[in-house]
N, C-alpha and C. Protein backbone atom coordinates (compact mmCIF):
# COMPACT_ATOMS: atom_id res chain seq x y z
N MET A 1 130.75 3.15 160.81
CA MET A 1 129.66 3.59 159.99
C MET A 1 128.49 2.64 160.20
N ARG A 2 127.34 3.20 160.34
CA ARG A 2 126.14 2.38 160.54
C ARG A 2 125.52 2.11 159.18
N CYS A 3 125.22 0.85 158.91
CA CYS A 3 124.53 0.49 157.68
C CYS A 3 123.55 -0.63 157.98
N VAL A 4 122.58 -0.77 157.10
CA VAL A 4 121.56 -1.80 157.27
C VAL A 4 121.73 -2.82 156.15
N ILE A 5 121.90 -4.07 156.54
CA ILE A 5 122.00 -5.18 155.59
C ILE A 5 121.00 -6.23 156.03
N ALA A 6 120.12 -6.61 155.13
CA ALA A 6 119.07 -7.60 155.41
C ALA A 6 118.21 -7.16 156.59
N GLN A 7 117.90 -5.88 156.65
CA GLN A 7 117.04 -5.28 157.66
C GLN A 7 117.63 -5.30 159.07
N TYR A 8 118.94 -5.56 159.20
CA TYR A 8 119.61 -5.52 160.50
C TYR A 8 120.68 -4.44 160.47
N PRO A 9 120.73 -3.62 161.51
CA PRO A 9 121.76 -2.57 161.54
C PRO A 9 123.12 -3.14 161.95
N PHE A 10 124.17 -2.63 161.31
CA PHE A 10 125.55 -3.04 161.62
C PHE A 10 126.41 -1.80 161.75
N GLU A 11 127.35 -1.84 162.68
CA GLU A 11 128.36 -0.81 162.80
C GLU A 11 129.63 -1.36 162.16
N LEU A 12 129.92 -0.91 160.94
CA LEU A 12 131.08 -1.40 160.21
C LEU A 12 132.16 -0.34 160.13
N THR A 13 133.40 -0.79 160.21
CA THR A 13 134.54 0.09 159.99
C THR A 13 135.44 -0.56 158.97
N ARG A 14 136.25 0.25 158.33
CA ARG A 14 137.19 -0.27 157.33
C ARG A 14 138.15 -1.27 157.98
N VAL A 15 138.68 -0.92 159.14
CA VAL A 15 139.61 -1.80 159.85
C VAL A 15 138.91 -3.09 160.28
N GLY A 16 137.66 -2.99 160.70
CA GLY A 16 136.91 -4.17 161.10
C GLY A 16 136.69 -5.13 159.94
N VAL A 17 136.41 -4.59 158.76
CA VAL A 17 136.23 -5.43 157.58
C VAL A 17 137.56 -6.09 157.20
N LEU A 18 138.64 -5.31 157.23
CA LEU A 18 139.96 -5.88 156.92
C LEU A 18 140.32 -7.00 157.89
N THR A 19 140.02 -6.80 159.16
CA THR A 19 140.31 -7.82 160.17
C THR A 19 139.45 -9.06 159.96
N SER A 20 138.17 -8.87 159.67
CA SER A 20 137.26 -9.99 159.45
C SER A 20 137.66 -10.82 158.24
N MET A 21 138.15 -10.17 157.20
CA MET A 21 138.48 -10.87 155.96
C MET A 21 139.91 -11.40 155.94
N ALA A 22 140.71 -11.08 156.95
CA ALA A 22 142.09 -11.57 157.00
C ALA A 22 142.07 -13.10 157.13
N GLY A 23 142.80 -13.75 156.27
CA GLY A 23 142.88 -15.20 156.31
C GLY A 23 141.74 -15.93 155.63
N VAL A 24 140.79 -15.19 155.05
CA VAL A 24 139.67 -15.81 154.35
C VAL A 24 140.08 -15.98 152.88
N LYS A 25 139.99 -17.20 152.39
CA LYS A 25 140.36 -17.48 151.00
C LYS A 25 139.23 -17.04 150.09
N PRO A 26 139.53 -16.23 149.06
CA PRO A 26 138.48 -15.78 148.15
C PRO A 26 137.91 -16.92 147.33
N GLU A 27 136.59 -16.89 147.15
CA GLU A 27 135.93 -17.84 146.27
C GLU A 27 136.08 -17.33 144.84
N ILE A 28 135.69 -18.14 143.89
CA ILE A 28 135.75 -17.72 142.48
C ILE A 28 134.73 -16.61 142.25
N VAL A 29 135.16 -15.54 141.61
CA VAL A 29 134.30 -14.39 141.35
C VAL A 29 133.53 -14.63 140.06
N THR A 30 132.20 -14.65 140.16
CA THR A 30 131.36 -14.81 138.98
C THR A 30 130.43 -13.62 138.78
N GLY A 31 130.35 -12.75 139.75
CA GLY A 31 129.47 -11.58 139.66
C GLY A 31 130.17 -10.37 140.23
N ASP A 32 129.43 -9.54 140.95
CA ASP A 32 130.01 -8.35 141.56
C ASP A 32 131.07 -8.77 142.58
N SER A 33 132.11 -7.93 142.71
CA SER A 33 133.20 -8.26 143.64
C SER A 33 133.71 -6.99 144.30
N VAL A 34 134.50 -7.20 145.35
CA VAL A 34 135.09 -6.08 146.09
C VAL A 34 136.55 -6.43 146.38
N THR A 35 137.42 -5.43 146.24
CA THR A 35 138.83 -5.62 146.53
C THR A 35 139.07 -5.23 147.98
N ILE A 36 139.56 -6.20 148.75
CA ILE A 36 139.89 -5.97 150.15
C ILE A 36 141.34 -6.39 150.33
N GLY A 37 142.17 -5.42 150.68
CA GLY A 37 143.61 -5.69 150.72
C GLY A 37 144.08 -5.90 149.29
N ARG A 38 144.73 -7.03 149.04
CA ARG A 38 145.19 -7.35 147.69
C ARG A 38 144.32 -8.39 147.02
N ARG A 39 143.25 -8.79 147.66
CA ARG A 39 142.41 -9.86 147.14
C ARG A 39 141.07 -9.34 146.68
N ARG A 40 140.50 -10.07 145.73
CA ARG A 40 139.19 -9.72 145.20
C ARG A 40 138.20 -10.81 145.61
N TYR A 41 137.18 -10.41 146.35
CA TYR A 41 136.19 -11.33 146.90
C TYR A 41 134.82 -11.09 146.27
N PRO A 42 134.02 -12.15 146.09
CA PRO A 42 132.62 -11.93 145.70
C PRO A 42 131.89 -11.19 146.83
N VAL A 43 131.01 -10.27 146.47
CA VAL A 43 130.34 -9.45 147.49
C VAL A 43 129.51 -10.30 148.44
N LYS A 44 128.92 -11.37 147.95
CA LYS A 44 128.11 -12.23 148.84
C LYS A 44 128.99 -12.91 149.89
N GLN A 45 130.21 -13.30 149.53
CA GLN A 45 131.12 -13.90 150.50
C GLN A 45 131.49 -12.89 151.58
N VAL A 46 131.79 -11.67 151.17
CA VAL A 46 132.13 -10.61 152.12
C VAL A 46 130.96 -10.35 153.05
N GLY A 47 129.76 -10.23 152.49
CA GLY A 47 128.58 -9.99 153.31
C GLY A 47 128.34 -11.09 154.32
N GLU A 48 128.55 -12.33 153.90
CA GLU A 48 128.36 -13.46 154.81
C GLU A 48 129.37 -13.42 155.96
N VAL A 49 130.61 -13.08 155.67
CA VAL A 49 131.64 -13.04 156.70
C VAL A 49 131.42 -11.89 157.68
N ILE A 50 131.14 -10.70 157.16
CA ILE A 50 131.06 -9.54 158.06
C ILE A 50 129.75 -9.47 158.83
N THR A 51 128.67 -10.08 158.28
CA THR A 51 127.38 -10.01 158.99
C THR A 51 127.04 -11.30 159.72
N ARG A 52 127.73 -12.39 159.38
CA ARG A 52 127.46 -13.71 159.95
C ARG A 52 126.03 -14.17 159.63
N GLN A 53 125.53 -13.74 158.47
CA GLN A 53 124.20 -14.14 158.01
C GLN A 53 124.36 -15.02 156.78
N ASP A 54 123.33 -15.80 156.51
CA ASP A 54 123.31 -16.60 155.30
C ASP A 54 123.26 -15.66 154.10
N ARG A 55 123.99 -15.97 153.06
CA ARG A 55 124.05 -15.06 151.91
C ARG A 55 122.74 -14.97 151.14
N ARG A 56 121.80 -15.85 151.41
CA ARG A 56 120.48 -15.73 150.78
C ARG A 56 119.63 -14.65 151.45
N ASP A 57 120.06 -14.16 152.63
CA ASP A 57 119.26 -13.20 153.38
C ASP A 57 119.47 -11.75 152.95
N PHE A 58 120.48 -11.47 152.13
CA PHE A 58 120.76 -10.09 151.72
C PHE A 58 121.12 -10.05 150.25
N SER A 59 121.07 -8.86 149.69
CA SER A 59 121.42 -8.71 148.27
C SER A 59 122.86 -8.24 148.15
N GLY A 60 123.44 -8.49 147.01
CA GLY A 60 124.80 -8.02 146.76
C GLY A 60 124.87 -6.51 146.75
N GLY A 61 123.80 -5.87 146.31
CA GLY A 61 123.77 -4.41 146.26
C GLY A 61 123.90 -3.77 147.63
N GLU A 62 123.32 -4.40 148.65
CA GLU A 62 123.44 -3.87 150.01
C GLU A 62 124.90 -3.88 150.46
N VAL A 63 125.60 -4.96 150.14
CA VAL A 63 127.01 -5.08 150.54
C VAL A 63 127.86 -4.11 149.73
N VAL A 64 127.58 -3.99 148.45
CA VAL A 64 128.34 -3.06 147.60
C VAL A 64 128.22 -1.65 148.12
N ARG A 65 127.00 -1.22 148.46
CA ARG A 65 126.81 0.15 148.98
C ARG A 65 127.62 0.36 150.26
N ALA A 66 127.61 -0.62 151.15
CA ALA A 66 128.35 -0.50 152.40
C ALA A 66 129.86 -0.45 152.14
N MET A 67 130.34 -1.30 151.25
CA MET A 67 131.78 -1.34 150.97
C MET A 67 132.26 -0.06 150.31
N VAL A 68 131.45 0.50 149.40
CA VAL A 68 131.82 1.77 148.75
C VAL A 68 131.89 2.88 149.79
N ARG A 69 130.92 2.92 150.71
CA ARG A 69 130.92 3.96 151.75
C ARG A 69 132.13 3.83 152.66
N LEU A 70 132.66 2.60 152.81
CA LEU A 70 133.85 2.39 153.63
C LEU A 70 135.14 2.64 152.86
N GLY A 71 135.03 2.89 151.57
CA GLY A 71 136.21 3.22 150.76
C GLY A 71 136.83 2.05 150.02
N PHE A 72 136.16 0.92 149.95
CA PHE A 72 136.69 -0.21 149.21
C PHE A 72 136.29 -0.08 147.73
N THR A 73 137.09 -0.69 146.86
CA THR A 73 136.81 -0.66 145.43
C THR A 73 135.93 -1.84 145.07
N CYS A 74 134.81 -1.54 144.44
CA CYS A 74 133.89 -2.60 144.01
C CYS A 74 133.91 -2.69 142.50
N HIS A 75 133.71 -3.91 142.00
CA HIS A 75 133.75 -4.17 140.57
C HIS A 75 132.44 -4.83 140.15
N ALA A 76 131.89 -4.34 139.05
CA ALA A 76 130.65 -4.92 138.54
C ALA A 76 130.97 -6.23 137.85
N GLY A 77 130.07 -7.18 137.99
CA GLY A 77 130.25 -8.48 137.35
C GLY A 77 129.88 -8.41 135.89
N PRO A 78 130.18 -9.46 135.16
CA PRO A 78 129.82 -9.47 133.74
C PRO A 78 128.31 -9.49 133.59
N ARG A 79 127.83 -8.72 132.68
CA ARG A 79 126.40 -8.64 132.44
C ARG A 79 126.06 -9.38 131.16
N ALA A 80 124.92 -10.04 131.13
CA ALA A 80 124.48 -10.76 129.94
C ALA A 80 124.04 -9.76 128.87
N ALA A 81 124.26 -10.14 127.64
CA ALA A 81 123.82 -9.29 126.53
C ALA A 81 122.30 -9.31 126.46
N PRO A 82 121.70 -8.20 126.05
CA PRO A 82 120.25 -8.20 125.91
C PRO A 82 119.81 -9.25 124.90
N PRO A 83 118.62 -9.83 125.07
CA PRO A 83 118.17 -10.89 124.17
C PRO A 83 118.18 -10.50 122.70
N SER A 84 117.90 -9.25 122.38
CA SER A 84 117.87 -8.83 120.98
C SER A 84 119.27 -8.82 120.37
N ALA A 85 120.32 -8.68 121.19
CA ALA A 85 121.68 -8.63 120.67
C ALA A 85 122.25 -10.03 120.44
N ARG A 86 121.63 -11.04 121.02
CA ARG A 86 122.11 -12.40 120.83
C ARG A 86 121.68 -12.89 119.44
N VAL A 87 122.62 -13.50 118.75
CA VAL A 87 122.33 -14.03 117.43
C VAL A 87 122.53 -15.53 117.49
N ALA A 88 121.55 -16.26 117.03
CA ALA A 88 121.66 -17.71 117.02
C ALA A 88 122.62 -18.12 115.91
N LEU A 89 123.61 -18.94 116.28
CA LEU A 89 124.58 -19.42 115.30
C LEU A 89 124.20 -20.81 114.84
N SER A 90 124.52 -21.07 113.60
CA SER A 90 124.28 -22.41 113.07
C SER A 90 125.33 -23.35 113.64
N PRO A 91 125.10 -24.65 113.61
CA PRO A 91 126.12 -25.59 114.10
C PRO A 91 127.45 -25.43 113.38
N LEU A 92 127.43 -25.11 112.07
CA LEU A 92 128.66 -24.90 111.33
C LEU A 92 129.42 -23.68 111.85
N GLN A 93 128.69 -22.59 112.15
CA GLN A 93 129.33 -21.39 112.67
C GLN A 93 129.93 -21.64 114.05
N VAL A 94 129.22 -22.39 114.89
CA VAL A 94 129.74 -22.72 116.23
C VAL A 94 131.00 -23.54 116.12
N ALA A 95 130.98 -24.57 115.26
CA ALA A 95 132.17 -25.42 115.08
C ALA A 95 133.33 -24.61 114.53
N SER A 96 133.07 -23.72 113.58
CA SER A 96 134.13 -22.90 113.01
C SER A 96 134.74 -21.98 114.06
N ALA A 97 133.89 -21.40 114.91
CA ALA A 97 134.39 -20.51 115.95
C ALA A 97 135.24 -21.29 116.97
N LEU A 98 134.80 -22.49 117.31
CA LEU A 98 135.56 -23.31 118.26
C LEU A 98 136.91 -23.73 117.69
N LEU A 99 136.96 -23.97 116.39
CA LEU A 99 138.21 -24.37 115.74
C LEU A 99 139.10 -23.18 115.39
N GLY A 100 138.54 -22.00 115.45
CA GLY A 100 139.33 -20.80 115.13
C GLY A 100 139.40 -20.52 113.65
N ASN A 101 138.56 -21.17 112.87
CA ASN A 101 138.55 -20.97 111.43
C ASN A 101 137.35 -20.10 111.07
N PRO A 102 137.49 -19.26 110.05
CA PRO A 102 136.35 -18.46 109.63
C PRO A 102 135.29 -19.33 108.98
N ASP A 103 134.08 -18.89 109.06
CA ASP A 103 132.95 -19.60 108.45
C ASP A 103 133.10 -19.48 106.93
N PRO A 104 133.16 -20.61 106.22
CA PRO A 104 133.37 -20.52 104.76
C PRO A 104 132.23 -19.81 104.04
N ARG A 105 131.05 -19.78 104.61
CA ARG A 105 129.93 -19.12 103.95
C ARG A 105 130.05 -17.60 103.99
N ASN A 106 130.87 -17.07 104.93
CA ASN A 106 131.03 -15.63 105.07
C ASN A 106 132.22 -15.11 104.27
N ALA A 107 132.92 -15.96 103.57
CA ALA A 107 134.12 -15.56 102.84
C ALA A 107 133.79 -14.90 101.53
């Protein structure tokens, strides 16, 4: 399959991606990821291995689109809550949450 990543065309195949990623140890997943074989890799790591480009040269979305078209399962990373949904906690509330005790003011 022909795809463009970082403005460069690549001919990728499912078998070629599996072969390229064989023996590559997955990094810790903190964002979007893709399952290749039995392992889950960050999309930027996969893009770097299959394109041999620096991961700053392409976006994760480009790699996700290519991997989905090849039939791999992609997973969205955790998304931050919108600023309006965040509630500032008092130091007492933070300490209570860390200790696992309810806030006495809310009782």
